[in-house]
Amino acid sequence: MQTENRFLDDLARVASGAIGSLAGVRSEVETRLKQQFKKILGEMNLVPREEFDAVKAMATKARTEQLSLEKRIVALEVAQAGTGKKASRSQSSRGASSARKSSTVKPKPK
């Protein structure tokens, strides 16, 4: 749109040129900042998200297996304690009966 006043036309061109330049500067600043952030993060030796998720899944699976094995151990200990009491009772009763037999044996005369 042209006006009769040449000064306003020149001012409008300068303003639109400045806005275009500012957009270019903004783009350049964003690019530089992204590069700097990538450089800083790269030096921090951070773990990528995919690796973190994989290790987290492995830890969850290991924890689940650990809990399962703990339950099995407890069940086996209970079962062993139950059979162990029966075995110890039968062994103690055998020992007591053999002790009775040995106490009833008469000593040999001299």
PDB file of N, CA and C in Angstrom:
ATOM      1  N   MET A   1       0.841  -1.167   0.000  1.00  0.00           N
ATOM      2  CA  MET A   1       0.000   0.000   0.000  1.00  0.00           C
ATOM      3  C   MET A   1       0.884   1.226   0.000  1.00  0.00           C
ATOM      4  N   GLN A   2       0.699   2.028  -0.975  1.00  0.00           N
ATOM      5  CA  GLN A   2       1.509   3.222  -1.088  1.00  0.00           C
ATOM      6  C   GLN A   2       0.705   4.421  -0.624  1.00  0.00           C
ATOM      7  N   THR A   3       1.422   5.235   0.089  1.00  0.00           N
ATOM      8  CA  THR A   3       0.782   6.487   0.520  1.00  0.00           C
ATOM      9  C   THR A   3       1.480   7.624  -0.184  1.00  0.00           C
ATOM     10  N   GLU A   4       0.938   8.775  -0.058  1.00  0.00           N
ATOM     11  CA  GLU A   4       1.538   9.938  -0.704  1.00  0.00           C
ATOM     12  C   GLU A   4       2.764  10.406   0.057  1.00  0.00           C
ATOM     13  N   ASN A   5       2.868  10.034   1.282  1.00  0.00           N
ATOM     14  CA  ASN A   5       4.003  10.461   2.083  1.00  0.00           C
ATOM     15  C   ASN A   5       5.118   9.416   1.976  1.00  0.00           C
ATOM     16  N   ARG A   6       6.189   9.798   1.358  1.00  0.00           N
ATOM     17  CA  ARG A   6       7.309   8.901   1.120  1.00  0.00           C
ATOM     18  C   ARG A   6       8.004   8.510   2.428  1.00  0.00           C
ATOM     19  N   PHE A   7       8.006   9.367   3.397  1.00  0.00           N
ATOM     20  CA  PHE A   7       8.636   9.087   4.690  1.00  0.00           C
ATOM     21  C   PHE A   7       7.982   7.882   5.361  1.00  0.00           C
ATOM     22  N   LEU A   8       6.659   7.833   5.334  1.00  0.00           N
ATOM     23  CA  LEU A   8       5.960   6.702   5.955  1.00  0.00           C
ATOM     24  C   LEU A   8       6.233   5.403   5.205  1.00  0.00           C
ATOM     25  N   ASP A   9       6.358   5.449   3.914  1.00  0.00           N
ATOM     26  CA  ASP A   9       6.691   4.253   3.143  1.00  0.00           C
ATOM     27  C   ASP A   9       8.079   3.735   3.515  1.00  0.00           C
ATOM     28  N   ASP A  10       9.028   4.624   3.622  1.00  0.00           N
ATOM     29  CA  ASP A  10      10.383   4.229   4.009  1.00  0.00           C
ATOM     30  C   ASP A  10      10.407   3.663   5.434  1.00  0.00           C
ATOM     31  N   LEU A  11       9.666   4.281   6.295  1.00  0.00           N
ATOM     32  CA  LEU A  11       9.598   3.820   7.684  1.00  0.00           C
ATOM     33  C   LEU A  11       8.970   2.419   7.750  1.00  0.00           C
ATOM     34  N   ALA A  12       7.973   2.162   6.958  1.00  0.00           N
ATOM     35  CA  ALA A  12       7.327   0.846   6.926  1.00  0.00           C
ATOM     36  C   ALA A  12       8.302  -0.204   6.391  1.00  0.00           C
ATOM     37  N   ARG A  13       9.076   0.128   5.363  1.00  0.00           N
ATOM     38  CA  ARG A  13      10.065  -0.804   4.831  1.00  0.00           C
ATOM     39  C   ARG A  13      11.150  -1.111   5.866  1.00  0.00           C
ATOM     40  N   VAL A  14      11.602  -0.106   6.543  1.00  0.00           N
ATOM     41  CA  VAL A  14      12.633  -0.313   7.577  1.00  0.00           C
ATOM     42  C   VAL A  14      12.085  -1.192   8.698  1.00  0.00           C
ATOM     43  N   ALA A  15      10.850  -0.933   9.109  1.00  0.00           N
ATOM     44  CA  ALA A  15      10.243  -1.724  10.182  1.00  0.00           C
ATOM     45  C   ALA A  15      10.081  -3.179   9.760  1.00  0.00           C
ATOM     46  N   SER A  16       9.611  -3.438   8.559  1.00  0.00           N
ATOM     47  CA  SER A  16       9.443  -4.828   8.114  1.00  0.00           C
ATOM     48  C   SER A  16      10.803  -5.497   7.939  1.00  0.00           C
ATOM     49  N   GLY A  17      11.792  -4.776   7.497  1.00  0.00           N
ATOM     50  CA  GLY A  17      13.152  -5.322   7.391  1.00  0.00           C
ATOM     51  C   GLY A  17      13.712  -5.647   8.770  1.00  0.00           C
ATOM     52  N   ALA A  18      13.446  -4.783   9.739  1.00  0.00           N
ATOM     53  CA  ALA A  18      13.924  -5.021  11.103  1.00  0.00           C
ATOM     54  C   ALA A  18      13.239  -6.248  11.699  1.00  0.00           C
ATOM     55  N   ILE A  19      11.955  -6.400  11.434  1.00  0.00           N
ATOM     56  CA  ILE A  19      11.220  -7.563  11.950  1.00  0.00           C
ATOM     57  C   ILE A  19      11.776  -8.837  11.321  1.00  0.00           C
ATOM     58  N   GLY A  20      12.062  -8.800  10.038  1.00  0.00           N
ATOM     59  CA  GLY A  20      12.650  -9.954   9.364  1.00  0.00           C
ATOM     60  C   GLY A  20      14.026 -10.280   9.933  1.00  0.00           C
ATOM     61  N   SER A  21      14.808  -9.246  10.195  1.00  0.00           N
ATOM     62  CA  SER A  21      16.142  -9.445  10.781  1.00  0.00           C
ATOM     63  C   SER A  21      16.031 -10.026  12.184  1.00  0.00           C
ATOM     64  N   LEU A  22      15.061  -9.535  12.953  1.00  0.00           N
ATOM     65  CA  LEU A  22      14.872 -10.055  14.309  1.00  0.00           C
ATOM     66  C   LEU A  22      14.444 -11.523  14.287  1.00  0.00           C
ATOM     67  N   ALA A  23      13.633 -11.894  13.322  1.00  0.00           N
ATOM     68  CA  ALA A  23      13.231 -13.293  13.196  1.00  0.00           C
ATOM     69  C   ALA A  23      14.455 -14.150  12.879  1.00  0.00           C
ATOM     70  N   GLY A  24      15.328 -13.658  12.013  1.00  0.00           N
ATOM     71  CA  GLY A  24      16.560 -14.373  11.689  1.00  0.00           C
ATOM     72  C   GLY A  24      17.480 -14.480  12.897  1.00  0.00           C
ATOM     73  N   VAL A  25      17.569 -13.399  13.669  1.00  0.00           N
ATOM     74  CA  VAL A  25      18.401 -13.404  14.878  1.00  0.00           C
ATOM     75  C   VAL A  25      17.833 -14.403  15.885  1.00  0.00           C
ATOM     76  N   ARG A  26      16.525 -14.397  16.020  1.00  0.00           N
ATOM     77  CA  ARG A  26      15.880 -15.336  16.954  1.00  0.00           C
ATOM     78  C   ARG A  26      16.194 -16.782  16.555  1.00  0.00           C
ATOM     79  N   SER A  27      16.070 -17.069  15.286  1.00  0.00           N
ATOM     80  CA  SER A  27      16.363 -18.413  14.787  1.00  0.00           C
ATOM     81  C   SER A  27      17.823 -18.783  15.066  1.00  0.00           C
ATOM     82  N   GLU A  28      18.714 -17.854  14.834  1.00  0.00           N
ATOM     83  CA  GLU A  28      20.141 -18.095  15.069  1.00  0.00           C
ATOM     84  C   GLU A  28      20.429 -18.330  16.555  1.00  0.00           C
ATOM     85  N   VAL A  29      19.798 -17.546  17.424  1.00  0.00           N
ATOM     86  CA  VAL A  29      19.991 -17.710  18.865  1.00  0.00           C
ATOM     87  C   VAL A  29      19.463 -19.074  19.321  1.00  0.00           C
ATOM     88  N   GLU A  30      18.318 -19.471  18.832  1.00  0.00           N
ATOM     89  CA  GLU A  30      17.757 -20.781  19.199  1.00  0.00           C
ATOM     90  C   GLU A  30      18.683 -21.910  18.757  1.00  0.00           C
ATOM     91  N   THR A  31      19.212 -21.798  17.555  1.00  0.00           N
ATOM     92  CA  THR A  31      20.120 -22.821  17.049  1.00  0.00           C
ATOM     93  C   THR A  31      21.369 -22.923  17.914  1.00  0.00           C
ATOM     94  N   ARG A  32      21.940 -21.785  18.265  1.00  0.00           N
ATOM     95  CA  ARG A  32      23.150 -21.772  19.113  1.00  0.00           C
ATOM     96  C   ARG A  32      22.866 -22.346  20.499  1.00  0.00           C
ATOM     97  N   LEU A  33      21.733 -21.976  21.074  1.00  0.00           N
ATOM     98  CA  LEU A  33      21.380 -22.493  22.398  1.00  0.00           C
ATOM     99  C   LEU A  33      21.203 -24.012  22.371  1.00  0.00           C
ATOM    100  N   LYS A  34      20.537 -24.520  21.333  1.00  0.00           N
ATOM    101  CA  LYS A  34      20.358 -25.966  21.212  1.00  0.00           C
ATOM    102  C   LYS A  34      21.714 -26.667  21.115  1.00  0.00           C
ATOM    103  N   GLN A  35      22.625 -26.092  20.337  1.00  0.00           N
ATOM    104  CA  GLN A  35      23.949 -26.677  20.205  1.00  0.00           C
ATOM    105  C   GLN A  35      24.673 -26.701  21.549  1.00  0.00           C
ATOM    106  N   GLN A  36      24.573 -25.614  22.275  1.00  0.00           N
ATOM    107  CA  GLN A  36      25.238 -25.541  23.577  1.00  0.00           C
ATOM    108  C   GLN A  36      24.639 -26.551  24.566  1.00  0.00           C
ATOM    109  N   PHE A  37      23.310 -26.664  24.579  1.00  0.00           N
ATOM    110  CA  PHE A  37      22.671 -27.628  25.481  1.00  0.00           C
ATOM    111  C   PHE A  37      23.078 -29.055  25.133  1.00  0.00           C
ATOM    112  N   LYS A  38      23.111 -29.365  23.837  1.00  0.00           N
ATOM    113  CA  LYS A  38      23.527 -30.707  23.424  1.00  0.00           C
ATOM    114  C   LYS A  38      24.968 -30.982  23.851  1.00  0.00           C
ATOM    115  N   LYS A  39      25.824 -29.992  23.714  1.00  0.00           N
ATOM    116  CA  LYS A  39      27.223 -30.142  24.104  1.00  0.00           C
ATOM    117  C   LYS A  39      27.337 -30.370  25.608  1.00  0.00           C
ATOM    118  N   ILE A  40      26.637 -29.573  26.385  1.00  0.00           N
ATOM    119  CA  ILE A  40      26.684 -29.696  27.844  1.00  0.00           C
ATOM    120  C   ILE A  40      26.130 -31.048  28.287  1.00  0.00           C
ATOM    121  N   LEU A  41      24.996 -31.432  27.735  1.00  0.00           N
ATOM    122  CA  LEU A  41      24.394 -32.715  28.103  1.00  0.00           C
ATOM    123  C   LEU A  41      25.267 -33.890  27.662  1.00  0.00           C
ATOM    124  N   GLY A  42      25.926 -33.742  26.536  1.00  0.00           N
ATOM    125  CA  GLY A  42      26.827 -34.784  26.061  1.00  0.00           C
ATOM    126  C   GLY A  42      28.021 -34.969  26.986  1.00  0.00           C
ATOM    127  N   GLU A  43      28.510 -33.885  27.553  1.00  0.00           N
ATOM    128  CA  GLU A  43      29.638 -33.955  28.476  1.00  0.00           C
ATOM    129  C   GLU A  43      29.231 -34.512  29.836  1.00  0.00           C
ATOM    130  N   MET A  44      27.932 -34.458  30.153  1.00  0.00           N
ATOM    131  CA  MET A  44      27.460 -34.946  31.451  1.00  0.00           C
ATOM    132  C   MET A  44      27.341 -36.460  31.483  1.00  0.00           C
ATOM    133  N   ASN A  45      27.514 -37.126  30.338  1.00  0.00           N
ATOM    134  CA  ASN A  45      27.471 -38.581  30.259  1.00  0.00           C
ATOM    135  C   ASN A  45      26.149 -39.131  30.801  1.00  0.00           C
ATOM    136  N   LEU A  46      25.056 -38.582  30.330  1.00  0.00           N
ATOM    137  CA  LEU A  46      23.738 -39.033  30.754  1.00  0.00           C
ATOM    138  C   LEU A  46      23.310 -40.268  29.974  1.00  0.00           C
ATOM    139  N   VAL A  47      22.424 -41.036  30.578  1.00  0.00           N
ATOM    140  CA  VAL A  47      21.935 -42.262  29.960  1.00  0.00           C
ATOM    141  C   VAL A  47      20.742 -41.935  29.058  1.00  0.00           C
ATOM    142  N   PRO A  48      20.723 -42.500  27.849  1.00  0.00           N
ATOM    143  CA  PRO A  48      19.547 -42.291  26.990  1.00  0.00           C
ATOM    144  C   PRO A  48      18.299 -42.934  27.601  1.00  0.00           C
ATOM    145  N   ARG A  49      17.160 -42.408  27.279  1.00  0.00           N
ATOM    146  CA  ARG A  49      15.892 -42.872  27.848  1.00  0.00           C
ATOM    147  C   ARG A  49      15.642 -44.346  27.555  1.00  0.00           C
ATOM    148  N   GLU A  50      15.996 -44.811  26.354  1.00  0.00           N
ATOM    149  CA  GLU A  50      15.758 -46.192  25.986  1.00  0.00           C
ATOM    150  C   GLU A  50      16.552 -47.134  26.897  1.00  0.00           C
ATOM    151  N   GLU A  51      17.820 -46.796  27.166  1.00  0.00           N
ATOM    152  CA  GLU A  51      18.633 -47.626  28.045  1.00  0.00           C
ATOM    153  C   GLU A  51      18.085 -47.617  29.463  1.00  0.00           C
ATOM    154  N   PHE A  52      17.652 -46.453  29.918  1.00  0.00           N
ATOM    155  CA  PHE A  52      17.076 -46.355  31.262  1.00  0.00           C
ATOM    156  C   PHE A  52      15.842 -47.237  31.390  1.00  0.00           C
ATOM    157  N   ASP A  53      14.963 -47.184  30.396  1.00  0.00           N
ATOM    158  CA  ASP A  53      13.750 -48.002  30.431  1.00  0.00           C
ATOM    159  C   ASP A  53      14.081 -49.492  30.408  1.00  0.00           C
ATOM    160  N   ALA A  54      15.106 -49.876  29.622  1.00  0.00           N
ATOM    161  CA  ALA A  54      15.493 -51.282  29.545  1.00  0.00           C
ATOM    162  C   ALA A  54      16.029 -51.773  30.895  1.00  0.00           C
ATOM    163  N   VAL A  55      16.871 -50.976  31.530  1.00  0.00           N
ATOM    164  CA  VAL A  55      17.427 -51.363  32.826  1.00  0.00           C
ATOM    165  C   VAL A  55      16.342 -51.387  33.896  1.00  0.00           C
ATOM    166  N   LYS A  56      15.416 -50.459  33.814  1.00  0.00           N
ATOM    167  CA  LYS A  56      14.306 -50.429  34.777  1.00  0.00           C
ATOM    168  C   LYS A  56      13.458 -51.696  34.646  1.00  0.00           C
ATOM    169  N   ALA A  57      13.200 -52.121  33.418  1.00  0.00           N
ATOM    170  CA  ALA A  57      12.428 -53.346  33.195  1.00  0.00           C
ATOM    171  C   ALA A  57      13.181 -54.564  33.723  1.00  0.00           C
ATOM    172  N   MET A  58      14.492 -54.600  33.526  1.00  0.00           N
ATOM    173  CA  MET A  58      15.296 -55.711  34.040  1.00  0.00           C
ATOM    174  C   MET A  58      15.263 -55.736  35.568  1.00  0.00           C
ATOM    175  N   ALA A  59      15.358 -54.575  36.203  1.00  0.00           N
ATOM    176  CA  ALA A  59      15.326 -54.514  37.663  1.00  0.00           C
ATOM    177  C   ALA A  59      13.970 -54.955  38.201  1.00  0.00           C
ATOM    178  N   THR A  60      12.911 -54.559  37.533  1.00  0.00           N
ATOM    179  CA  THR A  60      11.565 -54.976  37.957  1.00  0.00           C
ATOM    180  C   THR A  60      11.417 -56.485  37.851  1.00  0.00           C
ATOM    181  N   LYS A  61      11.902 -57.060  36.759  1.00  0.00           N
ATOM    182  CA  LYS A  61      11.823 -58.511  36.575  1.00  0.00           C
ATOM    183  C   LYS A  61      12.653 -59.232  37.636  1.00  0.00           C
ATOM    184  N   ALA A  62      13.851 -58.718  37.914  1.00  0.00           N
ATOM    185  CA  ALA A  62      14.707 -59.340  38.921  1.00  0.00           C
ATOM    186  C   ALA A  62      14.062 -59.277  40.300  1.00  0.00           C
ATOM    187  N   ARG A  63      13.434 -58.165  40.615  1.00  0.00           N
ATOM    188  CA  ARG A  63      12.768 -58.024  41.913  1.00  0.00           C
ATOM    189  C   ARG A  63      11.602 -59.010  42.033  1.00  0.00           C
ATOM    190  N   THR A  64      10.842 -59.159  40.954  1.00  0.00           N
ATOM    191  CA  THR A  64       9.727 -60.098  40.954  1.00  0.00           C
ATOM    192  C   THR A  64      10.235 -61.527  41.164  1.00  0.00           C
ATOM    193  N   GLU A  65      11.305 -61.884  40.465  1.00  0.00           N
ATOM    194  CA  GLU A  65      11.878 -63.225  40.621  1.00  0.00           C
ATOM    195  C   GLU A  65      12.410 -63.426  42.038  1.00  0.00           C
ATOM    196  N   GLN A  66      13.008 -62.396  42.609  1.00  0.00           N
ATOM    197  CA  GLN A  66      13.530 -62.489  43.970  1.00  0.00           C
ATOM    198  C   GLN A  66      12.402 -62.764  44.960  1.00  0.00           C
ATOM    199  N   LEU A  67      11.305 -62.044  44.821  1.00  0.00           N
ATOM    200  CA  LEU A  67      10.171 -62.262  45.722  1.00  0.00           C
ATOM    201  C   LEU A  67       9.614 -63.674  45.559  1.00  0.00           C
ATOM    202  N   SER A  68       9.556 -64.151  44.330  1.00  0.00           N
ATOM    203  CA  SER A  68       9.070 -65.506  44.072  1.00  0.00           C
ATOM    204  C   SER A  68       9.985 -66.538  44.729  1.00  0.00           C
ATOM    205  N   LEU A  69      11.285 -66.341  44.597  1.00  0.00           N
ATOM    206  CA  LEU A  69      12.232 -67.275  45.197  1.00  0.00           C
ATOM    207  C   LEU A  69      12.177 -67.231  46.724  1.00  0.00           C
ATOM    208  N   GLU A  70      11.968 -66.051  47.293  1.00  0.00           N
ATOM    209  CA  GLU A  70      11.833 -65.939  48.746  1.00  0.00           C
ATOM    210  C   GLU A  70      10.628 -66.738  49.236  1.00  0.00           C
ATOM    211  N   LYS A  71       9.529 -66.666  48.503  1.00  0.00           N
ATOM    212  CA  LYS A  71       8.339 -67.429  48.878  1.00  0.00           C
ATOM    213  C   LYS A  71       8.616 -68.929  48.798  1.00  0.00           C
ATOM    214  N   ARG A  72       9.324 -69.361  47.762  1.00  0.00           N
ATOM    215  CA  ARG A  72       9.656 -70.776  47.632  1.00  0.00           C
ATOM    216  C   ARG A  72      10.554 -71.241  48.775  1.00  0.00           C
ATOM    217  N   ILE A  73      11.504 -70.403  49.161  1.00  0.00           N
ATOM    218  CA  ILE A  73      12.412 -70.764  50.255  1.00  0.00           C
ATOM    219  C   ILE A  73      11.635 -70.926  51.559  1.00  0.00           C
ATOM    220  N   VAL A  74      10.745 -69.978  51.817  1.00  0.00           N
ATOM    221  CA  VAL A  74       9.933 -70.061  53.035  1.00  0.00           C
ATOM    222  C   VAL A  74       9.098 -71.339  53.019  1.00  0.00           C
ATOM    223  N   ALA A  75       8.493 -71.664  51.889  1.00  0.00           N
ATOM    224  CA  ALA A  75       7.672 -72.873  51.787  1.00  0.00           C
ATOM    225  C   ALA A  75       8.525 -74.120  52.006  1.00  0.00           C
ATOM    226  N   LEU A  76       9.719 -74.149  51.439  1.00  0.00           N
ATOM    227  CA  LEU A  76      10.605 -75.295  51.622  1.00  0.00           C
ATOM    228  C   LEU A  76      11.066 -75.412  53.080  1.00  0.00           C
ATOM    229  N   GLU A  77      11.352 -74.270  53.704  1.00  0.00           N
ATOM    230  CA  GLU A  77      11.766 -74.299  55.109  1.00  0.00           C
ATOM    231  C   GLU A  77      10.641 -74.810  55.997  1.00  0.00           C
ATOM    232  N   VAL A  78       9.420 -74.386  55.697  1.00  0.00           N
ATOM    233  CA  VAL A  78       8.275 -74.863  56.470  1.00  0.00           C
ATOM    234  C   VAL A  78       8.101 -76.363  56.275  1.00  0.00           C
ATOM    235  N   ALA A  79       8.207 -76.817  55.039  1.00  0.00           N
ATOM    236  CA  ALA A  79       8.068 -78.242  54.757  1.00  0.00           C
ATOM    237  C   ALA A  79       9.181 -79.037  55.423  1.00  0.00           C
ATOM    238  N   GLN A  80      10.380 -78.517  55.370  1.00  0.00           N
ATOM    239  CA  GLN A  80      11.511 -79.200  55.985  1.00  0.00           C
ATOM    240  C   GLN A  80      11.365 -79.213  57.504  1.00  0.00           C
ATOM    241  N   ALA A  81      10.897 -78.140  58.081  1.00  0.00           N
ATOM    242  CA  ALA A  81      10.705 -78.078  59.530  1.00  0.00           C
ATOM    243  C   ALA A  81       9.647 -79.088  59.953  1.00  0.00           C
ATOM    244  N   GLY A  82       8.595 -79.259  59.144  1.00  0.00           N
ATOM    245  CA  GLY A  82       7.550 -80.234  59.450  1.00  0.00           C
ATOM    246  C   GLY A  82       8.085 -81.649  59.400  1.00  0.00           C
ATOM    247  N   THR A  83       8.855 -81.988  58.389  1.00  0.00           N
ATOM    248  CA  THR A  83       9.420 -83.337  58.298  1.00  0.00           C
ATOM    249  C   THR A  83      10.570 -83.481  59.272  1.00  0.00           C
ATOM    250  N   GLY A  84      11.253 -82.435  59.571  1.00  0.00           N
ATOM    251  CA  GLY A  84      12.362 -82.482  60.527  1.00  0.00           C
ATOM    252  C   GLY A  84      11.867 -82.794  61.929  1.00  0.00           C
ATOM    253  N   LYS A  85      10.720 -82.257  62.328  1.00  0.00           N
ATOM    254  CA  LYS A  85      10.163 -82.534  63.650  1.00  0.00           C
ATOM    255  C   LYS A  85       9.766 -84.000  63.758  1.00  0.00           C
ATOM    256  N   LYS A  86       9.159 -84.525  62.695  1.00  0.00           N
ATOM    257  CA  LYS A  86       8.770 -85.933  62.697  1.00  0.00           C
ATOM    258  C   LYS A  86      10.007 -86.818  62.788  1.00  0.00           C
ATOM    259  N   ALA A  87      11.026 -86.474  62.028  1.00  0.00           N
ATOM    260  CA  ALA A  87      12.246 -87.263  62.036  1.00  0.00           C
ATOM    261  C   ALA A  87      12.939 -87.159  63.381  1.00  0.00           C
ATOM    262  N   SER A  88      12.981 -85.981  63.955  1.00  0.00           N
ATOM    263  CA  SER A  88      13.653 -85.831  65.246  1.00  0.00           C
ATOM    264  C   SER A  88      12.880 -86.551  66.340  1.00  0.00           C
ATOM    265  N   ARG A  89      11.556 -86.563  66.256  1.00  0.00           N
ATOM    266  CA  ARG A  89      10.762 -87.292  67.238  1.00  0.00           C
ATOM    267  C   ARG A  89      11.034 -88.780  67.133  1.00  0.00           C
ATOM    268  N   SER A  90      11.073 -89.294  65.919  1.00  0.00           N
ATOM    269  CA  SER A  90      11.309 -90.730  65.760  1.00  0.00           C
ATOM    270  C   SER A  90      12.731 -91.075  66.160  1.00  0.00           C
ATOM    271  N   GLN A  91      13.688 -90.188  65.894  1.00  0.00           N
ATOM    272  CA  GLN A  91      15.065 -90.439  66.302  1.00  0.00           C
ATOM    273  C   GLN A  91      15.196 -90.377  67.817  1.00  0.00           C
ATOM    274  N   SER A  92      14.520 -89.435  68.450  1.00  0.00           N
ATOM    275  CA  SER A  92      14.614 -89.312  69.899  1.00  0.00           C
ATOM    276  C   SER A  92      13.925 -90.490  70.576  1.00  0.00           C
ATOM    277  N   SER A  93      12.839 -90.977  69.995  1.00  0.00           N
ATOM    278  CA  SER A  93      12.179 -92.133  70.589  1.00  0.00           C
ATOM    279  C   SER A  93      13.030 -93.382  70.391  1.00  0.00           C
ATOM    280  N   ARG A  94      13.740 -93.488  69.276  1.00  0.00           N
ATOM    281  CA  ARG A  94      14.652 -94.614  69.062  1.00  0.00           C
ATOM    282  C   ARG A  94      15.803 -94.547  70.051  1.00  0.00           C
ATOM    283  N   GLY A  95      16.306 -93.345  70.233  1.00  0.00           N
ATOM    284  CA  GLY A  95      17.422 -93.176  71.167  1.00  0.00           C
ATOM    285  C   GLY A  95      17.005 -93.505  72.586  1.00  0.00           C
ATOM    286  N   ALA A  96      15.807 -93.132  72.956  1.00  0.00           N
ATOM    287  CA  ALA A  96      15.321 -93.409  74.309  1.00  0.00           C
ATOM    288  C   ALA A  96      15.121 -94.899  74.498  1.00  0.00           C
ATOM    289  N   SER A  97      14.579 -95.582  73.504  1.00  0.00           N
ATOM    290  CA  SER A  97      14.362 -97.024  73.649  1.00  0.00           C
ATOM    291  C   SER A  97      15.685 -97.762  73.684  1.00  0.00           C
ATOM    292  N   SER A  98      16.666 -97.335  72.911  1.00  0.00           N
ATOM    293  CA  SER A  98      17.971 -97.999  72.954  1.00  0.00           C
ATOM    294  C   SER A  98      18.656 -97.710  74.276  1.00  0.00           C
ATOM    295  N   ALA A  99      18.425 -96.521  74.842  1.00  0.00           N
ATOM    296  CA  ALA A  99      18.996 -96.206  76.146  1.00  0.00           C
ATOM    297  C   ALA A  99      18.375 -97.090  77.212  1.00  0.00           C
ATOM    298  N   ARG A 100      17.075 -97.364  77.097  1.00  0.00           N
ATOM    299  CA  ARG A 100      16.417 -98.246  78.057  1.00  0.00           C
ATOM    300  C   ARG A 100      16.991 -99.644  77.963  1.00  0.00           C
ATOM    301  N   LYS A 101      17.211-100.107  76.746  1.00  0.00           N
ATOM    302  CA  LYS A 101      17.760-101.445  76.555  1.00  0.00           C
ATOM    303  C   LYS A 101      19.148-101.542  77.174  1.00  0.00           C
ATOM    304  N   SER A 102      19.954-100.512  76.957  1.00  0.00           N
ATOM    305  CA  SER A 102      21.311-100.559  77.487  1.00  0.00           C
ATOM    306  C   SER A 102      21.309-100.477  79.009  1.00  0.00           C
ATOM    307  N   SER A 103      20.322 -99.821  79.589  1.00  0.00           N
ATOM    308  CA  SER A 103      20.289 -99.736  81.042  1.00  0.00           C
ATOM    309  C   SER A 103      19.771-101.026  81.678  1.00  0.00           C
ATOM    310  N   THR A 104      19.075-101.844  80.930  1.00  0.00           N
ATOM    311  CA  THR A 104      18.563-103.105  81.469  1.00  0.00           C
ATOM    312  C   THR A 104      19.571-104.250  81.337  1.00  0.00           C
ATOM    313  N   VAL A 105      20.641-103.996  80.631  1.00  0.00           N
ATOM    314  CA  VAL A 105      21.670-105.040  80.488  1.00  0.00           C
ATOM    315  C   VAL A 105      22.395-105.173  81.820  1.00  0.00           C
ATOM    316  N   LYS A 106      22.515-106.398  82.248  1.00  0.00           N
ATOM    317  CA  LYS A 106      23.165-106.652  83.534  1.00  0.00           C
ATOM    318  C   LYS A 106      24.658-106.685  83.351  1.00  0.00           C
ATOM    319  N   PRO A 107      25.367-106.174  84.325  1.00  0.00           N
ATOM    320  CA  PRO A 107      26.828-106.231  84.224  1.00  0.00           C
ATOM    321  C   PRO A 107      27.341-107.666  84.370  1.00  0.00           C
ATOM    322  N   LYS A 108      28.445-107.972  83.738  1.00  0.00           N
ATOM    323  CA  LYS A 108      29.021-109.311  83.786  1.00  0.00           C
ATOM    324  C   LYS A 108      29.687-109.510  85.160  1.00  0.00           C
ATOM    325  N   PRO A 109      29.525-110.732  85.693  1.00  0.00           N
ATOM    326  CA  PRO A 109      30.180-110.980  86.980  1.00  0.00           C
ATOM    327  C   PRO A 109      31.693-111.112  86.805  1.00  0.00           C
ATOM    328  N   LYS A 110      32.411-110.770  87.801  1.00  0.00           N
ATOM    329  CA  LYS A 110      33.874-110.817  87.755  1.00  0.00           C
ATOM    330  C   LYS A 110      34.394-112.125  88.135  1.00  0.00           C
TER     331      LYS A 110
END
